[in-house]
């Protein structure tokens, strides 16, 4: 996705917190990415615990910033990471490839 300078955001930022994972902060990948004006960021939905991981890349003239979706996932209270296929906001459940996990079993902590 490439965004120009739009006046409105795609999502309500107040519902999310953005962070860089400790794994990425301590990786060699981060050092290489900085040379190419790239970074990996995760946004965490405050209410459900849904996490969206993406890579940002800035053009050399810093006019264009590109976003590449890497992963949509959750981390459970037992520290297990799972890819999310779908979710039901009314029933408060995440659908995974082979099972479901209720929102109450999902961590909202930043890792």
PDB file of N, CA and C in Angstrom:
ATOM      1  N   UNK A   1       0.841  -1.163   0.000  1.00  0.00           N
ATOM      2  CA  UNK A   1       0.000   0.000   0.000  1.00  0.00           C
ATOM      3  C   UNK A   1       0.894   1.236   0.000  1.00  0.00           C
ATOM      4  N   UNK A   2       0.533   2.195  -0.790  1.00  0.00           N
ATOM      5  CA  UNK A   2       1.256   3.463  -0.812  1.00  0.00           C
ATOM      6  C   UNK A   2       0.264   4.557  -0.448  1.00  0.00           C
ATOM      7  N   UNK A   3       0.600   5.332   0.567  1.00  0.00           N
ATOM      8  CA  UNK A   3      -0.270   6.419   0.999  1.00  0.00           C
ATOM      9  C   UNK A   3       0.329   7.752   0.605  1.00  0.00           C
ATOM     10  N   UNK A   4      -0.512   8.629   0.138  1.00  0.00           N
ATOM     11  CA  UNK A   4      -0.081   9.992  -0.134  1.00  0.00           C
ATOM     12  C   UNK A   4      -0.325  10.824   1.112  1.00  0.00           C
ATOM     13  N   UNK A   5      -0.411  12.097   0.962  1.00  0.00           N
ATOM     14  CA  UNK A   5      -0.670  12.962   2.118  1.00  0.00           C
ATOM     15  C   UNK A   5      -2.183  13.190   2.226  1.00  0.00           C
ATOM     16  N   UNK A   6      -2.869  12.237   2.831  1.00  0.00           N
ATOM     17  CA  UNK A   6      -4.309  12.325   3.002  1.00  0.00           C
ATOM     18  C   UNK A   6      -4.628  13.014   4.321  1.00  0.00           C
ATOM     19  N   UNK A   7      -5.786  13.624   4.359  1.00  0.00           N
ATOM     20  CA  UNK A   7      -6.168  14.353   5.569  1.00  0.00           C
ATOM     21  C   UNK A   7      -6.749  13.433   6.641  1.00  0.00           C
ATOM     22  N   UNK A   8      -7.252  12.267   6.270  1.00  0.00           N
ATOM     23  CA  UNK A   8      -7.835  11.371   7.272  1.00  0.00           C
ATOM     24  C   UNK A   8      -7.044  10.067   7.342  1.00  0.00           C
ATOM     25  N   UNK A   9      -7.075   9.442   8.505  1.00  0.00           N
ATOM     26  CA  UNK A   9      -6.353   8.189   8.707  1.00  0.00           C
ATOM     27  C   UNK A   9      -7.238   7.015   8.311  1.00  0.00           C
ATOM     28  N   UNK A  10      -6.588   5.880   8.059  1.00  0.00           N
ATOM     29  CA  UNK A  10      -7.299   4.662   7.678  1.00  0.00           C
ATOM     30  C   UNK A  10      -7.981   4.038   8.893  1.00  0.00           C
ATOM     31  N   UNK A  11      -7.411   4.208  10.073  1.00  0.00           N
ATOM     32  CA  UNK A  11      -7.973   3.621  11.288  1.00  0.00           C
ATOM     33  C   UNK A  11      -7.901   4.637  12.426  1.00  0.00           C
ATOM     34  N   UNK A  12      -8.631   4.383  13.469  1.00  0.00           N
ATOM     35  CA  UNK A  12      -8.656   5.261  14.639  1.00  0.00           C
ATOM     36  C   UNK A  12      -7.442   4.956  15.507  1.00  0.00           C
ATOM     37  N   UNK A  13      -6.452   5.801  15.477  1.00  0.00           N
ATOM     38  CA  UNK A  13      -5.197   5.574  16.201  1.00  0.00           C
ATOM     39  C   UNK A  13      -5.397   5.434  17.705  1.00  0.00           C
ATOM     40  N   UNK A  14      -6.433   6.021  18.240  1.00  0.00           N
ATOM     41  CA  UNK A  14      -6.637   5.944  19.688  1.00  0.00           C
ATOM     42  C   UNK A  14      -6.976   4.524  20.141  1.00  0.00           C
ATOM     43  N   UNK A  15      -7.360   3.667  19.221  1.00  0.00           N
ATOM     44  CA  UNK A  15      -7.700   2.283  19.550  1.00  0.00           C
ATOM     45  C   UNK A  15      -6.484   1.345  19.501  1.00  0.00           C
ATOM     46  N   UNK A  16      -5.332   1.861  19.099  1.00  0.00           N
ATOM     47  CA  UNK A  16      -4.140   1.047  18.906  1.00  0.00           C
ATOM     48  C   UNK A  16      -2.928   1.681  19.578  1.00  0.00           C
ATOM     49  N   UNK A  17      -1.952   0.844  19.889  1.00  0.00           N
ATOM     50  CA  UNK A  17      -0.647   1.316  20.320  1.00  0.00           C
ATOM     51  C   UNK A  17       0.362   0.712  19.342  1.00  0.00           C
ATOM     52  N   UNK A  18       1.316   1.496  18.948  1.00  0.00           N
ATOM     53  CA  UNK A  18       2.334   1.075  17.997  1.00  0.00           C
ATOM     54  C   UNK A  18       3.635   0.825  18.737  1.00  0.00           C
ATOM     55  N   UNK A  19       4.336  -0.265  18.380  1.00  0.00           N
ATOM     56  CA  UNK A  19       5.602  -0.559  19.038  1.00  0.00           C
ATOM     57  C   UNK A  19       6.518  -1.356  18.122  1.00  0.00           C
ATOM     58  N   UNK A  20       7.785  -1.405  18.493  1.00  0.00           N
ATOM     59  CA  UNK A  20       8.787  -2.217  17.811  1.00  0.00           C
ATOM     60  C   UNK A  20       9.107  -3.379  18.741  1.00  0.00           C
ATOM     61  N   UNK A  21       9.052  -4.604  18.237  1.00  0.00           N
ATOM     62  CA  UNK A  21       9.280  -5.770  19.096  1.00  0.00           C
ATOM     63  C   UNK A  21      10.715  -5.796  19.606  1.00  0.00           C
ATOM     64  N   UNK A  22      10.891  -6.350  20.791  1.00  0.00           N
ATOM     65  CA  UNK A  22      12.239  -6.456  21.362  1.00  0.00           C
ATOM     66  C   UNK A  22      13.109  -7.367  20.503  1.00  0.00           C
ATOM     67  N   UNK A  23      12.512  -8.375  19.878  1.00  0.00           N
ATOM     68  CA  UNK A  23      13.277  -9.257  18.984  1.00  0.00           C
ATOM     69  C   UNK A  23      13.880  -8.450  17.843  1.00  0.00           C
ATOM     70  N   UNK A  24      13.077  -7.576  17.238  1.00  0.00           N
ATOM     71  CA  UNK A  24      13.562  -6.768  16.116  1.00  0.00           C
ATOM     72  C   UNK A  24      14.589  -5.737  16.576  1.00  0.00           C
ATOM     73  N   UNK A  25      14.351  -5.118  17.737  1.00  0.00           N
ATOM     74  CA  UNK A  25      15.283  -4.106  18.252  1.00  0.00           C
ATOM     75  C   UNK A  25      16.687  -4.667  18.421  1.00  0.00           C
ATOM     76  N   UNK A  26      16.780  -5.945  18.766  1.00  0.00           N
ATOM     77  CA  UNK A  26      18.074  -6.567  19.046  1.00  0.00           C
ATOM     78  C   UNK A  26      18.615  -7.394  17.884  1.00  0.00           C
ATOM     79  N   UNK A  27      18.040  -7.248  16.702  1.00  0.00           N
ATOM     80  CA  UNK A  27      18.448  -8.076  15.563  1.00  0.00           C
ATOM     81  C   UNK A  27      19.409  -7.342  14.627  1.00  0.00           C
ATOM     82  N   UNK A  28      20.182  -8.115  13.892  1.00  0.00           N
ATOM     83  CA  UNK A  28      21.035  -7.535  12.852  1.00  0.00           C
ATOM     84  C   UNK A  28      20.185  -7.006  11.706  1.00  0.00           C
ATOM     85  N   UNK A  29      19.022  -7.588  11.527  1.00  0.00           N
ATOM     86  CA  UNK A  29      18.094  -7.157  10.484  1.00  0.00           C
ATOM     87  C   UNK A  29      17.769  -5.672  10.636  1.00  0.00           C
ATOM     88  N   UNK A  30      17.620  -5.211  11.873  1.00  0.00           N
ATOM     89  CA  UNK A  30      17.300  -3.802  12.126  1.00  0.00           C
ATOM     90  C   UNK A  30      18.414  -2.895  11.626  1.00  0.00           C
ATOM     91  N   UNK A  31      19.657  -3.271  11.876  1.00  0.00           N
ATOM     92  CA  UNK A  31      20.784  -2.453  11.437  1.00  0.00           C
ATOM     93  C   UNK A  31      20.819  -2.323   9.917  1.00  0.00           C
ATOM     94  N   UNK A  32      20.575  -3.417   9.229  1.00  0.00           N
ATOM     95  CA  UNK A  32      20.552  -3.397   7.753  1.00  0.00           C
ATOM     96  C   UNK A  32      19.359  -2.583   7.264  1.00  0.00           C
ATOM     97  N   UNK A  33      18.206  -2.773   7.889  1.00  0.00           N
ATOM     98  CA  UNK A  33      17.001  -2.049   7.485  1.00  0.00           C
ATOM     99  C   UNK A  33      17.176  -0.536   7.589  1.00  0.00           C
ATOM    100  N   UNK A  34      17.892  -0.075   8.605  1.00  0.00           N
ATOM    101  CA  UNK A  34      18.081   1.365   8.781  1.00  0.00           C
ATOM    102  C   UNK A  34      18.801   1.989   7.592  1.00  0.00           C
ATOM    103  N   UNK A  35      19.741   1.250   7.000  1.00  0.00           N
ATOM    104  CA  UNK A  35      20.464   1.744   5.820  1.00  0.00           C
ATOM    105  C   UNK A  35      19.498   1.971   4.666  1.00  0.00           C
ATOM    106  N   UNK A  36      18.509   1.084   4.545  1.00  0.00           N
ATOM    107  CA  UNK A  36      17.549   1.169   3.443  1.00  0.00           C
ATOM    108  C   UNK A  36      16.262   1.911   3.826  1.00  0.00           C
ATOM    109  N   UNK A  37      16.295   2.617   4.961  1.00  0.00           N
ATOM    110  CA  UNK A  37      15.153   3.400   5.438  1.00  0.00           C
ATOM    111  C   UNK A  37      13.915   2.530   5.654  1.00  0.00           C
ATOM    112  N   UNK A  38      14.145   1.366   6.230  1.00  0.00           N
ATOM    113  CA  UNK A  38      13.066   0.425   6.506  1.00  0.00           C
ATOM    114  C   UNK A  38      12.959   0.207   8.010  1.00  0.00           C
ATOM    115  N   UNK A  39      11.782  -0.221   8.454  1.00  0.00           N
ATOM    116  CA  UNK A  39      11.611  -0.635   9.840  1.00  0.00           C
ATOM    117  C   UNK A  39      10.409  -1.571   9.947  1.00  0.00           C
ATOM    118  N   UNK A  40      10.422  -2.381  10.989  1.00  0.00           N
ATOM    119  CA  UNK A  40       9.308  -3.284  11.270  1.00  0.00           C
ATOM    120  C   UNK A  40       8.556  -2.746  12.477  1.00  0.00           C
ATOM    121  N   UNK A  41       7.258  -2.621  12.332  1.00  0.00           N
ATOM    122  CA  UNK A  41       6.425  -2.060  13.391  1.00  0.00           C
ATOM    123  C   UNK A  41       5.226  -2.974  13.614  1.00  0.00           C
ATOM    124  N   UNK A  42       4.778  -3.022  14.839  1.00  0.00           N
ATOM    125  CA  UNK A  42       3.574  -3.779  15.187  1.00  0.00           C
ATOM    126  C   UNK A  42       2.579  -2.799  15.785  1.00  0.00           C
ATOM    127  N   UNK A  43       1.329  -2.909  15.343  1.00  0.00           N
ATOM    128  CA  UNK A  43       0.280  -2.144  16.014  1.00  0.00           C
ATOM    129  C   UNK A  43      -0.598  -3.152  16.760  1.00  0.00           C
ATOM    130  N   UNK A  44      -0.924  -2.794  17.982  1.00  0.00           N
ATOM    131  CA  UNK A  44      -1.684  -3.655  18.889  1.00  0.00           C
ATOM    132  C   UNK A  44      -3.032  -3.007  19.171  1.00  0.00           C
ATOM    133  N   UNK A  45      -4.109  -3.744  18.895  1.00  0.00           N
ATOM    134  CA  UNK A  45      -5.447  -3.240  19.200  1.00  0.00           C
ATOM    135  C   UNK A  45      -5.676  -3.374  20.697  1.00  0.00           C
ATOM    136  N   UNK A  46      -5.938  -2.256  21.356  1.00  0.00           N
ATOM    137  CA  UNK A  46      -6.028  -2.207  22.812  1.00  0.00           C
ATOM    138  C   UNK A  46      -7.100  -3.124  23.398  1.00  0.00           C
ATOM    139  N   UNK A  47      -8.219  -3.260  22.731  1.00  0.00           N
ATOM    140  CA  UNK A  47      -9.355  -3.997  23.282  1.00  0.00           C
ATOM    141  C   UNK A  47      -9.256  -5.500  23.060  1.00  0.00           C
ATOM    142  N   UNK A  48      -8.849  -5.910  21.865  1.00  0.00           N
ATOM    143  CA  UNK A  48      -8.875  -7.337  21.517  1.00  0.00           C
ATOM    144  C   UNK A  48      -7.522  -8.026  21.632  1.00  0.00           C
ATOM    145  N   UNK A  49      -6.436  -7.290  21.514  1.00  0.00           N
ATOM    146  CA  UNK A  49      -5.104  -7.902  21.501  1.00  0.00           C
ATOM    147  C   UNK A  49      -4.639  -8.290  20.111  1.00  0.00           C
ATOM    148  N   UNK A  50      -5.429  -7.995  19.085  1.00  0.00           N
ATOM    149  CA  UNK A  50      -5.021  -8.280  17.706  1.00  0.00           C
ATOM    150  C   UNK A  50      -3.786  -7.461  17.368  1.00  0.00           C
ATOM    151  N   UNK A  51      -2.809  -8.104  16.744  1.00  0.00           N
ATOM    152  CA  UNK A  51      -1.563  -7.430  16.360  1.00  0.00           C
ATOM    153  C   UNK A  51      -1.397  -7.486  14.847  1.00  0.00           C
ATOM    154  N   UNK A  52      -0.936  -6.376  14.308  1.00  0.00           N
ATOM    155  CA  UNK A  52      -0.684  -6.283  12.877  1.00  0.00           C
ATOM    156  C   UNK A  52       0.767  -5.878  12.703  1.00  0.00           C
ATOM    157  N   UNK A  53       1.544  -6.779  12.111  1.00  0.00           N
ATOM    158  CA  UNK A  53       2.954  -6.499  11.872  1.00  0.00           C
ATOM    159  C   UNK A  53       3.154  -6.047  10.444  1.00  0.00           C
ATOM    160  N   UNK A  54       3.916  -4.997  10.264  1.00  0.00           N
ATOM    161  CA  UNK A  54       4.170  -4.505   8.908  1.00  0.00           C
ATOM    162  C   UNK A  54       5.562  -3.890   8.820  1.00  0.00           C
ATOM    163  N   UNK A  55       6.015  -3.752   7.588  1.00  0.00           N
ATOM    164  CA  UNK A  55       7.293  -3.122   7.295  1.00  0.00           C
ATOM    165  C   UNK A  55       7.028  -1.785   6.618  1.00  0.00           C
ATOM    166  N   UNK A  56       7.736  -0.756   7.041  1.00  0.00           N
ATOM    167  CA  UNK A  56       7.636   0.542   6.374  1.00  0.00           C
ATOM    168  C   UNK A  56       8.935   0.814   5.631  1.00  0.00           C
ATOM    169  N   UNK A  57       8.796   1.449   4.498  1.00  0.00           N
ATOM    170  CA  UNK A  57       9.949   1.852   3.702  1.00  0.00           C
ATOM    171  C   UNK A  57       9.734   3.286   3.253  1.00  0.00           C
ATOM    172  N   UNK A  58      10.708   4.138   3.510  1.00  0.00           N
ATOM    173  CA  UNK A  58      10.634   5.529   3.065  1.00  0.00           C
ATOM    174  C   UNK A  58      11.491   5.696   1.816  1.00  0.00           C
ATOM    175  N   UNK A  59      10.975   6.481   0.864  1.00  0.00           N
ATOM    176  CA  UNK A  59      11.772   6.788  -0.318  1.00  0.00           C
ATOM    177  C   UNK A  59      12.957   7.657   0.101  1.00  0.00           C
ATOM    178  N   UNK A  60      13.990   7.690  -0.726  1.00  0.00           N
ATOM    179  CA  UNK A  60      15.183   8.460  -0.371  1.00  0.00           C
ATOM    180  C   UNK A  60      14.887   9.950  -0.213  1.00  0.00           C
ATOM    181  N   UNK A  61      13.901  10.447  -0.956  1.00  0.00           N
ATOM    182  CA  UNK A  61      13.528  11.851  -0.813  1.00  0.00           C
ATOM    183  C   UNK A  61      12.487  12.050   0.305  1.00  0.00           C
ATOM    184  N   UNK A  62      12.091  10.948   0.960  1.00  0.00           N
ATOM    185  CA  UNK A  62      11.144  10.927   2.074  1.00  0.00           C
ATOM    186  C   UNK A  62       9.771  11.483   1.715  1.00  0.00           C
ATOM    187  N   UNK A  63       9.415  11.451   0.433  1.00  0.00           N
ATOM    188  CA  UNK A  63       8.112  11.914  -0.013  1.00  0.00           C
ATOM    189  C   UNK A  63       7.084  10.784   0.102  1.00  0.00           C
ATOM    190  N   UNK A  64       7.511   9.552  -0.190  1.00  0.00           N
ATOM    191  CA  UNK A  64       6.606   8.408  -0.195  1.00  0.00           C
ATOM    192  C   UNK A  64       7.014   7.423   0.895  1.00  0.00           C
ATOM    193  N   UNK A  65       6.024   6.932   1.628  1.00  0.00           N
ATOM    194  CA  UNK A  65       6.256   5.889   2.611  1.00  0.00           C
ATOM    195  C   UNK A  65       5.371   4.704   2.245  1.00  0.00           C
ATOM    196  N   UNK A  66       5.973   3.540   2.081  1.00  0.00           N
ATOM    197  CA  UNK A  66       5.236   2.331   1.715  1.00  0.00           C
ATOM    198  C   UNK A  66       5.076   1.441   2.935  1.00  0.00           C
ATOM    199  N   UNK A  67       3.936   0.757   2.993  1.00  0.00           N
ATOM    200  CA  UNK A  67       3.633  -0.163   4.084  1.00  0.00           C
ATOM    201  C   UNK A  67       3.388  -1.548   3.497  1.00  0.00           C
ATOM    202  N   UNK A  68       4.068  -2.543   4.046  1.00  0.00           N
ATOM    203  CA  UNK A  68       3.872  -3.920   3.598  1.00  0.00           C
ATOM    204  C   UNK A  68       3.395  -4.754   4.785  1.00  0.00           C
ATOM    205  N   UNK A  69       2.221  -5.353   4.642  1.00  0.00           N
ATOM    206  CA  UNK A  69       1.673  -6.199   5.692  1.00  0.00           C
ATOM    207  C   UNK A  69       2.482  -7.483   5.783  1.00  0.00           C
ATOM    208  N   UNK A  70       2.960  -7.797   6.991  1.00  0.00           N
ATOM    209  CA  UNK A  70       3.726  -9.025   7.205  1.00  0.00           C
ATOM    210  C   UNK A  70       2.913 -10.094   7.898  1.00  0.00           C
ATOM    211  N   UNK A  71       2.089  -9.700   8.867  1.00  0.00           N
ATOM    212  CA  UNK A  71       1.451 -10.691   9.713  1.00  0.00           C
ATOM    213  C   UNK A  71       0.273 -10.081  10.467  1.00  0.00           C
ATOM    214  N   UNK A  72      -0.767 -10.887  10.650  1.00  0.00           N
ATOM    215  CA  UNK A  72      -1.883 -10.539  11.528  1.00  0.00           C
ATOM    216  C   UNK A  72      -1.953 -11.675  12.534  1.00  0.00           C
ATOM    217  N   UNK A  73      -1.740 -11.345  13.814  1.00  0.00           N
ATOM    218  CA  UNK A  73      -1.576 -12.410  14.788  1.00  0.00           C
ATOM    219  C   UNK A  73      -2.002 -11.971  16.188  1.00  0.00           C
ATOM    220  N   UNK A  74      -2.030 -12.942  17.090  1.00  0.00           N
ATOM    221  CA  UNK A  74      -2.272 -12.692  18.503  1.00  0.00           C
ATOM    222  C   UNK A  74      -1.185 -13.394  19.307  1.00  0.00           C
ATOM    223  N   UNK A  75      -1.005 -12.951  20.530  1.00  0.00           N
ATOM    224  CA  UNK A  75      -0.140 -13.638  21.482  1.00  0.00           C
ATOM    225  C   UNK A  75      -1.021 -13.963  22.682  1.00  0.00           C
ATOM    226  N   UNK A  76      -1.078 -15.241  23.039  1.00  0.00           N
ATOM    227  CA  UNK A  76      -1.941 -15.659  24.140  1.00  0.00           C
ATOM    228  C   UNK A  76      -1.324 -15.291  25.479  1.00  0.00           C
ATOM    229  N   UNK A  77      -2.117 -15.435  26.525  1.00  0.00           N
ATOM    230  CA  UNK A  77      -1.636 -15.183  27.888  1.00  0.00           C
ATOM    231  C   UNK A  77      -0.531 -16.153  28.288  1.00  0.00           C
ATOM    232  N   UNK A  78      -0.420 -17.276  27.563  1.00  0.00           N
ATOM    233  CA  UNK A  78       0.658 -18.245  27.819  1.00  0.00           C
ATOM    234  C   UNK A  78       1.833 -18.020  26.875  1.00  0.00           C
ATOM    235  N   UNK A  79       1.854 -16.843  26.217  1.00  0.00           N
ATOM    236  CA  UNK A  79       2.957 -16.398  25.353  1.00  0.00           C
ATOM    237  C   UNK A  79       3.116 -17.218  24.072  1.00  0.00           C
ATOM    238  N   UNK A  80       2.016 -17.731  23.543  1.00  0.00           N
ATOM    239  CA  UNK A  80       2.042 -18.437  22.263  1.00  0.00           C
ATOM    240  C   UNK A  80       1.531 -17.494  21.177  1.00  0.00           C
ATOM    241  N   UNK A  81       2.245 -17.460  20.056  1.00  0.00           N
ATOM    242  CA  UNK A  81       1.859 -16.619  18.926  1.00  0.00           C
ATOM    243  C   UNK A  81       1.057 -17.448  17.925  1.00  0.00           C
ATOM    244  N   UNK A  82      -0.056 -16.873  17.420  1.00  0.00           N
ATOM    245  CA  UNK A  82      -0.916 -17.559  16.459  1.00  0.00           C
ATOM    246  C   UNK A  82      -1.332 -16.593  15.358  1.00  0.00           C
ATOM    247  N   UNK A  83      -1.292 -17.058  14.113  1.00  0.00           N
ATOM    248  CA  UNK A  83      -1.823 -16.271  13.001  1.00  0.00           C
ATOM    249  C   UNK A  83      -3.341 -16.273  13.080  1.00  0.00           C
ATOM    250  N   UNK A  84      -3.936 -15.140  12.807  1.00  0.00           N
ATOM    251  CA  UNK A  84      -5.391 -14.987  12.863  1.00  0.00           C
ATOM    252  C   UNK A  84      -5.957 -15.043  11.453  1.00  0.00           C
ATOM    253  N   UNK A  85      -6.970 -15.886  11.279  1.00  0.00           N
ATOM    254  CA  UNK A  85      -7.643 -16.009   9.987  1.00  0.00           C
ATOM    255  C   UNK A  85      -8.866 -15.079   9.913  1.00  0.00           C
ATOM    256  N   UNK A  86      -9.543 -14.929  11.069  1.00  0.00           N
ATOM    257  CA  UNK A  86     -10.758 -14.123  11.134  1.00  0.00           C
ATOM    258  C   UNK A  86     -11.069 -13.860  12.610  1.00  0.00           C
ATOM    259  N   UNK A  87     -12.057 -13.039  12.853  1.00  0.00           N
ATOM    260  CA  UNK A  87     -12.480 -12.774  14.223  1.00  0.00           C
ATOM    261  C   UNK A  87     -13.949 -12.398  14.243  1.00  0.00           C
ATOM    262  N   UNK A  88     -14.593 -12.650  15.372  1.00  0.00           N
ATOM    263  CA  UNK A  88     -15.996 -12.294  15.567  1.00  0.00           C
ATOM    264  C   UNK A  88     -16.059 -11.340  16.758  1.00  0.00           C
ATOM    265  N   UNK A  89     -16.325 -10.074  16.480  1.00  0.00           N
ATOM    266  CA  UNK A  89     -16.357  -9.063  17.537  1.00  0.00           C
ATOM    267  C   UNK A  89     -17.529  -9.262  18.496  1.00  0.00           C
ATOM    268  N   UNK A  90     -18.653  -9.768  17.991  1.00  0.00           N
ATOM    269  CA  UNK A  90     -19.811  -9.982  18.856  1.00  0.00           C
ATOM    270  C   UNK A  90     -19.575 -11.144  19.826  1.00  0.00           C
ATOM    271  N   UNK A  91     -19.011 -12.230  19.327  1.00  0.00           N
ATOM    272  CA  UNK A  91     -18.751 -13.404  20.174  1.00  0.00           C
ATOM    273  C   UNK A  91     -17.397 -13.317  20.885  1.00  0.00           C
ATOM    274  N   UNK A  92     -16.616 -12.297  20.548  1.00  0.00           N
ATOM    275  CA  UNK A  92     -15.291 -12.052  21.137  1.00  0.00           C
ATOM    276  C   UNK A  92     -14.384 -13.271  21.027  1.00  0.00           C
ATOM    277  N   UNK A  93     -14.181 -13.697  19.779  1.00  0.00           N
ATOM    278  CA  UNK A  93     -13.353 -14.873  19.526  1.00  0.00           C
ATOM    279  C   UNK A  93     -12.527 -14.669  18.255  1.00  0.00           C
ATOM    280  N   UNK A  94     -11.296 -15.194  18.281  1.00  0.00           N
ATOM    281  CA  UNK A  94     -10.431 -15.210  17.104  1.00  0.00           C
ATOM    282  C   UNK A  94     -10.512 -16.583  16.458  1.00  0.00           C
ATOM    283  N   UNK A  95     -10.536 -16.613  15.138  1.00  0.00           N
ATOM    284  CA  UNK A  95     -10.520 -17.868  14.398  1.00  0.00           C
ATOM    285  C   UNK A  95      -9.108 -18.094  13.878  1.00  0.00           C
ATOM    286  N   UNK A  96      -8.520 -19.211  14.275  1.00  0.00           N
ATOM    287  CA  UNK A  96      -7.202 -19.602  13.807  1.00  0.00           C
ATOM    288  C   UNK A  96      -7.378 -20.671  12.742  1.00  0.00           C
ATOM    289  N   UNK A  97      -6.293 -21.196  12.222  1.00  0.00           N
ATOM    290  CA  UNK A  97      -6.394 -22.202  11.169  1.00  0.00           C
ATOM    291  C   UNK A  97      -7.156 -23.443  11.634  1.00  0.00           C
ATOM    292  N   UNK A  98      -6.878 -23.905  12.858  1.00  0.00           N
ATOM    293  CA  UNK A  98      -7.484 -25.155  13.323  1.00  0.00           C
ATOM    294  C   UNK A  98      -8.329 -25.038  14.582  1.00  0.00           C
ATOM    295  N   UNK A  99      -8.457 -23.863  15.151  1.00  0.00           N
ATOM    296  CA  UNK A  99      -9.262 -23.705  16.361  1.00  0.00           C
ATOM    297  C   UNK A  99      -9.635 -22.244  16.575  1.00  0.00           C
ATOM    298  N   UNK A 100     -10.202 -21.975  17.727  1.00  0.00           N
ATOM    299  CA  UNK A 100     -10.581 -20.605  18.089  1.00  0.00           C
ATOM    300  C   UNK A 100      -9.985 -20.261  19.452  1.00  0.00           C
ATOM    301  N   UNK A 101      -9.796 -18.971  19.674  1.00  0.00           N
ATOM    302  CA  UNK A 101      -9.302 -18.485  20.966  1.00  0.00           C
ATOM    303  C   UNK A 101     -10.142 -17.273  21.349  1.00  0.00           C
ATOM    304  N   UNK A 102     -10.734 -17.305  22.554  1.00  0.00           N
ATOM    305  CA  UNK A 102     -11.518 -16.143  23.003  1.00  0.00           C
ATOM    306  C   UNK A 102     -10.613 -14.965  23.335  1.00  0.00           C
ATOM    307  N   UNK A 103     -11.150 -13.775  23.191  1.00  0.00           N
ATOM    308  CA  UNK A 103     -10.389 -12.555  23.469  1.00  0.00           C
ATOM    309  C   UNK A 103      -9.773 -12.577  24.871  1.00  0.00           C
ATOM    310  N   UNK A 104     -10.479 -13.131  25.847  1.00  0.00           N
ATOM    311  CA  UNK A 104     -10.011 -13.114  27.237  1.00  0.00           C
ATOM    312  C   UNK A 104      -8.700 -13.882  27.432  1.00  0.00           C
ATOM    313  N   UNK A 105      -8.341 -14.756  26.468  1.00  0.00           N
ATOM    314  CA  UNK A 105      -7.110 -15.540  26.560  1.00  0.00           C
ATOM    315  C   UNK A 105      -5.944 -14.908  25.796  1.00  0.00           C
ATOM    316  N   UNK A 106      -6.164 -13.672  25.326  1.00  0.00           N
ATOM    317  CA  UNK A 106      -5.169 -12.998  24.503  1.00  0.00           C
ATOM    318  C   UNK A 106      -4.491 -11.879  25.303  1.00  0.00           C
ATOM    319  N   UNK A 107      -3.182 -11.847  25.226  1.00  0.00           N
ATOM    320  CA  UNK A 107      -2.397 -10.840  25.937  1.00  0.00           C
ATOM    321  C   UNK A 107      -2.465  -9.489  25.230  1.00  0.00           C
ATOM    322  N   UNK A 108      -2.520  -8.451  26.019  1.00  0.00           N
ATOM    323  CA  UNK A 108      -2.447  -7.086  25.483  1.00  0.00           C
ATOM    324  C   UNK A 108      -1.139  -6.428  25.855  1.00  0.00           C
ATOM    325  N   UNK A 109      -0.178  -7.223  26.342  1.00  0.00           N
ATOM    326  CA  UNK A 109       1.130  -6.698  26.714  1.00  0.00           C
ATOM    327  C   UNK A 109       2.001  -6.471  25.491  1.00  0.00           C
ATOM    328  N   UNK A 110       2.953  -5.568  25.617  1.00  0.00           N
ATOM    329  CA  UNK A 110       3.895  -5.299  24.531  1.00  0.00           C
ATOM    330  C   UNK A 110       5.135  -6.147  24.763  1.00  0.00           C
ATOM    331  N   UNK A 111       5.541  -6.868  23.725  1.00  0.00           N
ATOM    332  CA  UNK A 111       6.710  -7.768  23.826  1.00  0.00           C
ATOM    333  C   UNK A 111       7.854  -7.224  23.001  1.00  0.00           C
TER     334      UNK A 111
END
